[in-house]
Amino acid sequence: MNIYPVQMGMTCCYVIHDKGTIMVDSGPPNKLGNFIKNMQKLSIDPKQIRLIVNTHGHYDHIGSARVIKDATGAHIAMHAPDKEWLEKSKPGNSRS
């Protein structure tokens, strides 16, 4: 198993690559370019990412979730109370 830190502006996300590939968190808004560049550096096809796990609903963790989901076709898993923030593109700040 390989765990790669992926710098996404102010936030570091992680790509876990083994028999499958998942991403933990998706960074702040407007970071699709950072994501693509990092995947190229790691020689990982973005389409290999099948799941994005968002740890919580802060903007710096879910801001690019939708565009990365669209680019990869991955499913998104996150806490149910934070789901509305992602769906309405209004990341909240009720958790730390």
PDB file of N, CA and C in Angstrom:
ATOM      1  N   MET A   1       0.842  -1.171   0.000  1.00  0.00           N
ATOM      2  CA  MET A   1       0.000   0.000   0.000  1.00  0.00           C
ATOM      3  C   MET A   1       0.889   1.236   0.000  1.00  0.00           C
ATOM      4  N   ASN A   2       0.519   2.212  -0.805  1.00  0.00           N
ATOM      5  CA  ASN A   2       1.224   3.485  -0.851  1.00  0.00           C
ATOM      6  C   ASN A   2       0.260   4.602  -0.480  1.00  0.00           C
ATOM      7  N   ILE A   3       0.710   5.497   0.392  1.00  0.00           N
ATOM      8  CA  ILE A   3      -0.074   6.665   0.789  1.00  0.00           C
ATOM      9  C   ILE A   3       0.706   7.892   0.354  1.00  0.00           C
ATOM     10  N   TYR A   4       0.090   8.683  -0.526  1.00  0.00           N
ATOM     11  CA  TYR A   4       0.756   9.852  -1.079  1.00  0.00           C
ATOM     12  C   TYR A   4       0.085  11.126  -0.589  1.00  0.00           C
ATOM     13  N   PRO A   5       0.854  12.049   0.003  1.00  0.00           N
ATOM     14  CA  PRO A   5       0.284  13.362   0.305  1.00  0.00           C
ATOM     15  C   PRO A   5       0.120  14.150  -0.993  1.00  0.00           C
ATOM     16  N   VAL A   6      -0.987  14.844  -1.113  1.00  0.00           N
ATOM     17  CA  VAL A   6      -1.280  15.629  -2.303  1.00  0.00           C
ATOM     18  C   VAL A   6      -1.546  17.062  -1.847  1.00  0.00           C
ATOM     19  N   GLN A   7      -0.647  17.957  -2.172  1.00  0.00           N
ATOM     20  CA  GLN A   7      -0.801  19.356  -1.757  1.00  0.00           C
ATOM     21  C   GLN A   7      -1.888  20.016  -2.589  1.00  0.00           C
ATOM     22  N   MET A   8      -2.890  20.547  -1.910  1.00  0.00           N
ATOM     23  CA  MET A   8      -4.023  21.193  -2.576  1.00  0.00           C
ATOM     24  C   MET A   8      -4.193  22.602  -2.015  1.00  0.00           C
ATOM     25  N   GLY A   9      -3.186  23.433  -2.207  1.00  0.00           N
ATOM     26  CA  GLY A   9      -3.231  24.778  -1.644  1.00  0.00           C
ATOM     27  C   GLY A   9      -2.918  24.712  -0.160  1.00  0.00           C
ATOM     28  N   MET A  10      -3.824  25.227   0.650  1.00  0.00           N
ATOM     29  CA  MET A  10      -3.603  25.258   2.099  1.00  0.00           C
ATOM     30  C   MET A  10      -3.807  23.902   2.774  1.00  0.00           C
ATOM     31  N   THR A  11      -4.330  22.950   2.047  1.00  0.00           N
ATOM     32  CA  THR A  11      -4.677  21.650   2.619  1.00  0.00           C
ATOM     33  C   THR A  11      -3.891  20.536   1.934  1.00  0.00           C
ATOM     34  N   CYS A  12      -3.536  19.558   2.712  1.00  0.00           N
ATOM     35  CA  CYS A  12      -2.909  18.368   2.154  1.00  0.00           C
ATOM     36  C   CYS A  12      -3.943  17.247   2.180  1.00  0.00           C
ATOM     37  N   CYS A  13      -4.194  16.678   1.033  1.00  0.00           N
ATOM     38  CA  CYS A  13      -5.081  15.532   0.914  1.00  0.00           C
ATOM     39  C   CYS A  13      -4.200  14.300   0.751  1.00  0.00           C
ATOM     40  N   TYR A  14      -4.804  13.144   0.684  1.00  0.00           N
ATOM     41  CA  TYR A  14      -4.025  11.911   0.565  1.00  0.00           C
ATOM     42  C   TYR A  14      -4.655  11.002  -0.471  1.00  0.00           C
ATOM     43  N   VAL A  15      -3.811  10.361  -1.243  1.00  0.00           N
ATOM     44  CA  VAL A  15      -4.240   9.319  -2.170  1.00  0.00           C
ATOM     45  C   VAL A  15      -3.658   8.015  -1.657  1.00  0.00           C
ATOM     46  N   ILE A  16      -4.533   7.050  -1.450  1.00  0.00           N
ATOM     47  CA  ILE A  16      -4.124   5.731  -0.974  1.00  0.00           C
ATOM     48  C   ILE A  16      -4.271   4.776  -2.150  1.00  0.00           C
ATOM     49  N   HIS A  17      -3.142   4.175  -2.527  1.00  0.00           N
ATOM     50  CA  HIS A  17      -3.088   3.358  -3.736  1.00  0.00           C
ATOM     51  C   HIS A  17      -2.614   1.959  -3.373  1.00  0.00           C
ATOM     52  N   ASP A  18      -3.475   0.980  -3.613  1.00  0.00           N
ATOM     53  CA  ASP A  18      -3.134  -0.420  -3.356  1.00  0.00           C
ATOM     54  C   ASP A  18      -3.852  -1.238  -4.425  1.00  0.00           C
ATOM     55  N   LYS A  19      -4.730  -2.114  -4.033  1.00  0.00           N
ATOM     56  CA  LYS A  19      -5.499  -2.878  -5.019  1.00  0.00           C
ATOM     57  C   LYS A  19      -6.540  -1.995  -5.687  1.00  0.00           C
ATOM     58  N   GLY A  20      -6.843  -0.879  -5.059  1.00  0.00           N
ATOM     59  CA  GLY A  20      -7.718   0.159  -5.587  1.00  0.00           C
ATOM     60  C   GLY A  20      -7.121   1.493  -5.167  1.00  0.00           C
ATOM     61  N   THR A  21      -7.769   2.562  -5.544  1.00  0.00           N
ATOM     62  CA  THR A  21      -7.246   3.885  -5.223  1.00  0.00           C
ATOM     63  C   THR A  21      -8.365   4.746  -4.653  1.00  0.00           C
ATOM     64  N   ILE A  22      -8.114   5.365  -3.490  1.00  0.00           N
ATOM     65  CA  ILE A  22      -9.070   6.280  -2.892  1.00  0.00           C
ATOM     66  C   ILE A  22      -8.361   7.590  -2.562  1.00  0.00           C
ATOM     67  N   MET A  23      -9.151   8.621  -2.384  1.00  0.00           N
ATOM     68  CA  MET A  23      -8.623   9.923  -2.003  1.00  0.00           C
ATOM     69  C   MET A  23      -9.276  10.335  -0.695  1.00  0.00           C
ATOM     70  N   VAL A  24      -8.480  10.858   0.223  1.00  0.00           N
ATOM     71  CA  VAL A  24      -9.000  11.346   1.499  1.00  0.00           C
ATOM     72  C   VAL A  24      -8.970  12.869   1.442  1.00  0.00           C
ATOM     73  N   ASP A  25     -10.158  13.453   1.508  1.00  0.00           N
ATOM     74  CA  ASP A  25     -10.399  14.886   1.381  1.00  0.00           C
ATOM     75  C   ASP A  25     -10.113  15.333  -0.053  1.00  0.00           C
ATOM     76  N   SER A  26     -10.618  16.518  -0.380  1.00  0.00           N
ATOM     77  CA  SER A  26     -10.509  16.964  -1.770  1.00  0.00           C
ATOM     78  C   SER A  26     -10.077  18.416  -1.904  1.00  0.00           C
ATOM     79  N   GLY A  27      -9.674  19.021  -0.814  1.00  0.00           N
ATOM     80  CA  GLY A  27      -9.087  20.351  -0.876  1.00  0.00           C
ATOM     81  C   GLY A  27     -10.084  21.479  -1.015  1.00  0.00           C
ATOM     82  N   PRO A  28      -9.568  22.711  -0.949  1.00  0.00           N
ATOM     83  CA  PRO A  28     -10.425  23.886  -1.071  1.00  0.00           C
ATOM     84  C   PRO A  28     -10.936  24.051  -2.502  1.00  0.00           C
ATOM     85  N   PRO A  29     -11.860  25.005  -2.709  1.00  0.00           N
ATOM     86  CA  PRO A  29     -12.398  25.223  -4.058  1.00  0.00           C
ATOM     87  C   PRO A  29     -11.311  25.579  -5.072  1.00  0.00           C
ATOM     88  N   ASN A  30     -11.608  25.278  -6.313  1.00  0.00           N
ATOM     89  CA  ASN A  30     -10.772  25.665  -7.461  1.00  0.00           C
ATOM     90  C   ASN A  30      -9.395  25.001  -7.478  1.00  0.00           C
ATOM     91  N   LYS A  31      -9.316  23.756  -7.048  1.00  0.00           N
ATOM     92  CA  LYS A  31      -8.023  23.061  -7.006  1.00  0.00           C
ATOM     93  C   LYS A  31      -7.958  21.861  -7.943  1.00  0.00           C
ATOM     94  N   LEU A  32      -8.827  21.806  -8.935  1.00  0.00           N
ATOM     95  CA  LEU A  32      -8.776  20.697  -9.887  1.00  0.00           C
ATOM     96  C   LEU A  32      -7.425  20.653 -10.589  1.00  0.00           C
ATOM     97  N   GLY A  33      -6.887  21.802 -10.958  1.00  0.00           N
ATOM     98  CA  GLY A  33      -5.570  21.848 -11.611  1.00  0.00           C
ATOM     99  C   GLY A  33      -4.480  21.253 -10.740  1.00  0.00           C
ATOM    100  N   ASN A  34      -4.486  21.588  -9.437  1.00  0.00           N
ATOM    101  CA  ASN A  34      -3.515  21.001  -8.505  1.00  0.00           C
ATOM    102  C   ASN A  34      -3.661  19.487  -8.464  1.00  0.00           C
ATOM    103  N   PHE A  35      -4.906  19.040  -8.408  1.00  0.00           N
ATOM    104  CA  PHE A  35      -5.183  17.614  -8.365  1.00  0.00           C
ATOM    105  C   PHE A  35      -4.615  16.912  -9.600  1.00  0.00           C
ATOM    106  N   ILE A  36      -4.912  17.440 -10.786  1.00  0.00           N
ATOM    107  CA  ILE A  36      -4.439  16.816 -12.033  1.00  0.00           C
ATOM    108  C   ILE A  36      -2.909  16.788 -12.075  1.00  0.00           C
ATOM    109  N   LYS A  37      -2.260  17.901 -11.730  1.00  0.00           N
ATOM    110  CA  LYS A  37      -0.788  17.951 -11.721  1.00  0.00           C
ATOM    111  C   LYS A  37      -0.210  16.912 -10.762  1.00  0.00           C
ATOM    112  N   ASN A  38      -0.801  16.794  -9.584  1.00  0.00           N
ATOM    113  CA  ASN A  38      -0.303  15.822  -8.610  1.00  0.00           C
ATOM    114  C   ASN A  38      -0.487  14.393  -9.094  1.00  0.00           C
ATOM    115  N   MET A  39      -1.598  14.103  -9.730  1.00  0.00           N
ATOM    116  CA  MET A  39      -1.819  12.751 -10.241  1.00  0.00           C
ATOM    117  C   MET A  39      -0.809  12.431 -11.337  1.00  0.00           C
ATOM    118  N   GLN A  40      -0.480  13.425 -12.181  1.00  0.00           N
ATOM    119  CA  GLN A  40       0.534  13.209 -13.214  1.00  0.00           C
ATOM    120  C   GLN A  40       1.893  12.915 -12.582  1.00  0.00           C
ATOM    121  N   LYS A  41       2.255  13.680 -11.548  1.00  0.00           N
ATOM    122  CA  LYS A  41       3.540  13.457 -10.856  1.00  0.00           C
ATOM    123  C   LYS A  41       3.603  12.059 -10.244  1.00  0.00           C
ATOM    124  N   LEU A  42       2.456  11.570  -9.754  1.00  0.00           N
ATOM    125  CA  LEU A  42       2.413  10.245  -9.129  1.00  0.00           C
ATOM    126  C   LEU A  42       2.200   9.125 -10.144  1.00  0.00           C
ATOM    127  N   SER A  43       2.027   9.470 -11.403  1.00  0.00           N
ATOM    128  CA  SER A  43       1.720   8.503 -12.463  1.00  0.00           C
ATOM    129  C   SER A  43       0.465   7.693 -12.143  1.00  0.00           C
ATOM    130  N   ILE A  44      -0.544   8.390 -11.604  1.00  0.00           N
ATOM    131  CA  ILE A  44      -1.835   7.771 -11.309  1.00  0.00           C
ATOM    132  C   ILE A  44      -2.870   8.404 -12.229  1.00  0.00           C
ATOM    133  N   ASP A  45      -3.570   7.580 -12.974  1.00  0.00           N
ATOM    134  CA  ASP A  45      -4.667   8.053 -13.804  1.00  0.00           C
ATOM    135  C   ASP A  45      -5.800   8.471 -12.866  1.00  0.00           C
ATOM    136  N   PRO A  46      -6.291   9.715 -12.948  1.00  0.00           N
ATOM    137  CA  PRO A  46      -7.373  10.144 -12.068  1.00  0.00           C
ATOM    138  C   PRO A  46      -8.572   9.200 -12.071  1.00  0.00           C
ATOM    139  N   LYS A  47      -8.836   8.545 -13.191  1.00  0.00           N
ATOM    140  CA  LYS A  47      -9.967   7.606 -13.279  1.00  0.00           C
ATOM    141  C   LYS A  47      -9.780   6.382 -12.387  1.00  0.00           C
ATOM    142  N   GLN A  48      -8.559   6.161 -11.868  1.00  0.00           N
ATOM    143  CA  GLN A  48      -8.324   5.054 -10.951  1.00  0.00           C
ATOM    144  C   GLN A  48      -8.941   5.326  -9.572  1.00  0.00           C
ATOM    145  N   ILE A  49      -9.167   6.586  -9.261  1.00  0.00           N
ATOM    146  CA  ILE A  49      -9.753   6.931  -7.963  1.00  0.00           C
ATOM    147  C   ILE A  49     -11.235   6.623  -8.019  1.00  0.00           C
ATOM    148  N   ARG A  50     -11.659   5.691  -7.195  1.00  0.00           N
ATOM    149  CA  ARG A  50     -13.048   5.229  -7.207  1.00  0.00           C
ATOM    150  C   ARG A  50     -13.852   5.760  -6.034  1.00  0.00           C
ATOM    151  N   LEU A  51     -13.156   6.307  -5.013  1.00  0.00           N
ATOM    152  CA  LEU A  51     -13.847   6.793  -3.823  1.00  0.00           C
ATOM    153  C   LEU A  51     -13.107   7.996  -3.256  1.00  0.00           C
ATOM    154  N   ILE A  52     -13.854   9.033  -2.914  1.00  0.00           N
ATOM    155  CA  ILE A  52     -13.322  10.196  -2.210  1.00  0.00           C
ATOM    156  C   ILE A  52     -13.962  10.185  -0.831  1.00  0.00           C
ATOM    157  N   VAL A  53     -13.145  10.118   0.214  1.00  0.00           N
ATOM    158  CA  VAL A  53     -13.641  10.133   1.593  1.00  0.00           C
ATOM    159  C   VAL A  53     -13.351  11.513   2.168  1.00  0.00           C
ATOM    160  N   ASN A  54     -14.405  12.282   2.400  1.00  0.00           N
ATOM    161  CA  ASN A  54     -14.243  13.604   3.004  1.00  0.00           C
ATOM    162  C   ASN A  54     -14.398  13.466   4.514  1.00  0.00           C
ATOM    163  N   THR A  55     -13.375  13.876   5.241  1.00  0.00           N
ATOM    164  CA  THR A  55     -13.365  13.677   6.695  1.00  0.00           C
ATOM    165  C   THR A  55     -14.358  14.570   7.416  1.00  0.00           C
ATOM    166  N   HIS A  56     -14.604  15.759   6.883  1.00  0.00           N
ATOM    167  CA  HIS A  56     -15.602  16.664   7.445  1.00  0.00           C
ATOM    168  C   HIS A  56     -15.910  17.753   6.432  1.00  0.00           C
ATOM    169  N   GLY A  57     -16.917  18.580   6.728  1.00  0.00           N
ATOM    170  CA  GLY A  57     -17.458  19.493   5.741  1.00  0.00           C
ATOM    171  C   GLY A  57     -16.849  20.870   5.647  1.00  0.00           C
ATOM    172  N   HIS A  58     -15.677  21.103   6.198  1.00  0.00           N
ATOM    173  CA  HIS A  58     -15.056  22.416   6.046  1.00  0.00           C
ATOM    174  C   HIS A  58     -14.663  22.647   4.593  1.00  0.00           C
ATOM    175  N   TYR A  59     -14.734  23.914   4.157  1.00  0.00           N
ATOM    176  CA  TYR A  59     -14.480  24.255   2.750  1.00  0.00           C
ATOM    177  C   TYR A  59     -13.121  23.788   2.267  1.00  0.00           C
ATOM    178  N   ASP A  60     -12.112  23.771   3.167  1.00  0.00           N
ATOM    179  CA  ASP A  60     -10.769  23.371   2.735  1.00  0.00           C
ATOM    180  C   ASP A  60     -10.620  21.861   2.598  1.00  0.00           C
ATOM    181  N   HIS A  61     -11.675  21.123   2.937  1.00  0.00           N
ATOM    182  CA  HIS A  61     -11.662  19.664   2.791  1.00  0.00           C
ATOM    183  C   HIS A  61     -12.637  19.175   1.718  1.00  0.00           C
ATOM    184  N   ILE A  62     -13.671  19.980   1.403  1.00  0.00           N
ATOM    185  CA  ILE A  62     -14.665  19.530   0.410  1.00  0.00           C
ATOM    186  C   ILE A  62     -14.842  20.479  -0.766  1.00  0.00           C
ATOM    187  N   GLY A  63     -14.125  21.587  -0.780  1.00  0.00           N
ATOM    188  CA  GLY A  63     -14.344  22.617  -1.791  1.00  0.00           C
ATOM    189  C   GLY A  63     -14.177  22.154  -3.225  1.00  0.00           C
ATOM    190  N   SER A  64     -13.281  21.207  -3.484  1.00  0.00           N
ATOM    191  CA  SER A  64     -13.071  20.705  -4.850  1.00  0.00           C
ATOM    192  C   SER A  64     -13.670  19.317  -5.066  1.00  0.00           C
ATOM    193  N   ALA A  65     -14.478  18.860  -4.128  1.00  0.00           N
ATOM    194  CA  ALA A  65     -15.033  17.502  -4.219  1.00  0.00           C
ATOM    195  C   ALA A  65     -15.838  17.291  -5.500  1.00  0.00           C
ATOM    196  N   ARG A  66     -16.700  18.225  -5.816  1.00  0.00           N
ATOM    197  CA  ARG A  66     -17.578  18.044  -6.982  1.00  0.00           C
ATOM    198  C   ARG A  66     -16.788  17.972  -8.286  1.00  0.00           C
ATOM    199  N   VAL A  67     -15.809  18.868  -8.473  1.00  0.00           N
ATOM    200  CA  VAL A  67     -15.050  18.854  -9.733  1.00  0.00           C
ATOM    201  C   VAL A  67     -14.134  17.628  -9.824  1.00  0.00           C
ATOM    202  N   ILE A  68     -13.600  17.189  -8.679  1.00  0.00           N
ATOM    203  CA  ILE A  68     -12.771  15.976  -8.691  1.00  0.00           C
ATOM    204  C   ILE A  68     -13.648  14.752  -8.936  1.00  0.00           C
ATOM    205  N   LYS A  69     -14.829  14.736  -8.356  1.00  0.00           N
ATOM    206  CA  LYS A  69     -15.771  13.644  -8.623  1.00  0.00           C
ATOM    207  C   LYS A  69     -16.081  13.581 -10.110  1.00  0.00           C
ATOM    208  N   ASP A  70     -16.349  14.733 -10.716  1.00  0.00           N
ATOM    209  CA  ASP A  70     -16.656  14.772 -12.152  1.00  0.00           C
ATOM    210  C   ASP A  70     -15.469  14.303 -12.992  1.00  0.00           C
ATOM    211  N   ALA A  71     -14.254  14.647 -12.581  1.00  0.00           N
ATOM    212  CA  ALA A  71     -13.049  14.284 -13.336  1.00  0.00           C
ATOM    213  C   ALA A  71     -12.690  12.809 -13.191  1.00  0.00           C
ATOM    214  N   THR A  72     -13.076  12.203 -12.066  1.00  0.00           N
ATOM    215  CA  THR A  72     -12.668  10.826 -11.789  1.00  0.00           C
ATOM    216  C   THR A  72     -13.783   9.807 -11.942  1.00  0.00           C
ATOM    217  N   GLY A  73     -15.021  10.253 -11.746  1.00  0.00           N
ATOM    218  CA  GLY A  73     -16.143   9.315 -11.700  1.00  0.00           C
ATOM    219  C   GLY A  73     -16.268   8.649 -10.345  1.00  0.00           C
ATOM    220  N   ALA A  74     -15.498   9.101  -9.363  1.00  0.00           N
ATOM    221  CA  ALA A  74     -15.495   8.502  -8.023  1.00  0.00           C
ATOM    222  C   ALA A  74     -16.795   8.789  -7.283  1.00  0.00           C
ATOM    223  N   HIS A  75     -17.096   7.933  -6.335  1.00  0.00           N
ATOM    224  CA  HIS A  75     -18.179   8.168  -5.390  1.00  0.00           C
ATOM    225  C   HIS A  75     -17.614   9.000  -4.243  1.00  0.00           C
ATOM    226  N   ILE A  76     -18.488   9.678  -3.516  1.00  0.00           N
ATOM    227  CA  ILE A  76     -18.070  10.472  -2.357  1.00  0.00           C
ATOM    228  C   ILE A  76     -18.710   9.891  -1.117  1.00  0.00           C
ATOM    229  N   ALA A  77     -17.891   9.713  -0.070  1.00  0.00           N
ATOM    230  CA  ALA A  77     -18.380   9.279   1.239  1.00  0.00           C
ATOM    231  C   ALA A  77     -18.054  10.382   2.242  1.00  0.00           C
ATOM    232  N   MET A  78     -19.056  10.722   3.063  1.00  0.00           N
ATOM    233  CA  MET A  78     -18.831  11.739   4.093  1.00  0.00           C
ATOM    234  C   MET A  78     -19.924  11.628   5.153  1.00  0.00           C
ATOM    235  N   HIS A  79     -19.733  12.326   6.251  1.00  0.00           N
ATOM    236  CA  HIS A  79     -20.716  12.323   7.326  1.00  0.00           C
ATOM    237  C   HIS A  79     -22.048  12.869   6.820  1.00  0.00           C
ATOM    238  N   ALA A  80     -23.133  12.214   7.192  1.00  0.00           N
ATOM    239  CA  ALA A  80     -24.462  12.643   6.754  1.00  0.00           C
ATOM    240  C   ALA A  80     -24.776  14.096   7.111  1.00  0.00           C
ATOM    241  N   PRO A  81     -24.438  14.585   8.320  1.00  0.00           N
ATOM    242  CA  PRO A  81     -24.758  15.988   8.635  1.00  0.00           C
ATOM    243  C   PRO A  81     -24.021  16.994   7.748  1.00  0.00           C
ATOM    244  N   ASP A  82     -22.908  16.611   7.162  1.00  0.00           N
ATOM    245  CA  ASP A  82     -22.134  17.508   6.301  1.00  0.00           C
ATOM    246  C   ASP A  82     -22.553  17.429   4.840  1.00  0.00           C
ATOM    247  N   LYS A  83     -23.357  16.451   4.501  1.00  0.00           N
ATOM    248  CA  LYS A  83     -23.755  16.199   3.119  1.00  0.00           C
ATOM    249  C   LYS A  83     -24.418  17.420   2.481  1.00  0.00           C
ATOM    250  N   GLU A  84     -25.263  18.102   3.220  1.00  0.00           N
ATOM    251  CA  GLU A  84     -25.964  19.269   2.686  1.00  0.00           C
ATOM    252  C   GLU A  84     -24.979  20.365   2.268  1.00  0.00           C
ATOM    253  N   TRP A  85     -23.898  20.529   3.013  1.00  0.00           N
ATOM    254  CA  TRP A  85     -22.902  21.543   2.679  1.00  0.00           C
ATOM    255  C   TRP A  85     -22.307  21.263   1.300  1.00  0.00           C
ATOM    256  N   LEU A  86     -22.022  20.004   1.036  1.00  0.00           N
ATOM    257  CA  LEU A  86     -21.462  19.641  -0.265  1.00  0.00           C
ATOM    258  C   LEU A  86     -22.507  19.814  -1.369  1.00  0.00           C
ATOM    259  N   GLU A  87     -23.721  19.360  -1.120  1.00  0.00           N
ATOM    260  CA  GLU A  87     -24.770  19.436  -2.128  1.00  0.00           C
ATOM    261  C   GLU A  87     -25.125  20.876  -2.500  1.00  0.00           C
ATOM    262  N   LYS A  88     -25.060  21.776  -1.516  1.00  0.00           N
ATOM    263  CA  LYS A  88     -25.423  23.175  -1.763  1.00  0.00           C
ATOM    264  C   LYS A  88     -24.203  24.054  -2.020  1.00  0.00           C
ATOM    265  N   SER A  89     -23.034  23.421  -2.098  1.00  0.00           N
ATOM    266  CA  SER A  89     -21.775  24.151  -2.312  1.00  0.00           C
ATOM    267  C   SER A  89     -21.580  25.256  -1.279  1.00  0.00           C
ATOM    268  N   LYS A  90     -21.989  24.960  -0.050  1.00  0.00           N
ATOM    269  CA  LYS A  90     -21.817  25.910   1.051  1.00  0.00           C
ATOM    270  C   LYS A  90     -21.158  25.187   2.211  1.00  0.00           C
ATOM    271  N   PRO A  91     -19.863  24.892   2.081  1.00  0.00           N
ATOM    272  CA  PRO A  91     -19.180  24.198   3.169  1.00  0.00           C
ATOM    273  C   PRO A  91     -19.344  24.940   4.487  1.00  0.00           C
ATOM    274  N   GLY A  92     -19.660  24.179   5.502  1.00  0.00           N
ATOM    275  CA  GLY A  92     -19.921  24.760   6.810  1.00  0.00           C
ATOM    276  C   GLY A  92     -18.685  24.839   7.674  1.00  0.00           C
ATOM    277  N   ASN A  93     -18.903  25.155   8.891  1.00  0.00           N
ATOM    278  CA  ASN A  93     -17.808  25.317   9.817  1.00  0.00           C
ATOM    279  C   ASN A  93     -18.240  24.925  11.225  1.00  0.00           C
ATOM    280  N   SER A  94     -19.113  23.926  11.348  1.00  0.00           N
ATOM    281  CA  SER A  94     -19.622  23.556  12.660  1.00  0.00           C
ATOM    282  C   SER A  94     -18.782  22.509  13.358  1.00  0.00           C
ATOM    283  N   ARG A  95     -17.827  21.914  12.655  1.00  0.00           N
ATOM    284  CA  ARG A  95     -16.969  20.893  13.252  1.00  0.00           C
ATOM    285  C   ARG A  95     -15.529  21.311  13.151  1.00  0.00           C
ATOM    286  N   SER A  96     -14.708  20.720  13.972  1.00  0.00           N
ATOM    287  CA  SER A  96     -13.248  20.948  13.890  1.00  0.00           C
ATOM    288  C   SER A  96     -12.578  19.693  13.436  1.00  0.00           C
TER     289      SER A  96
END
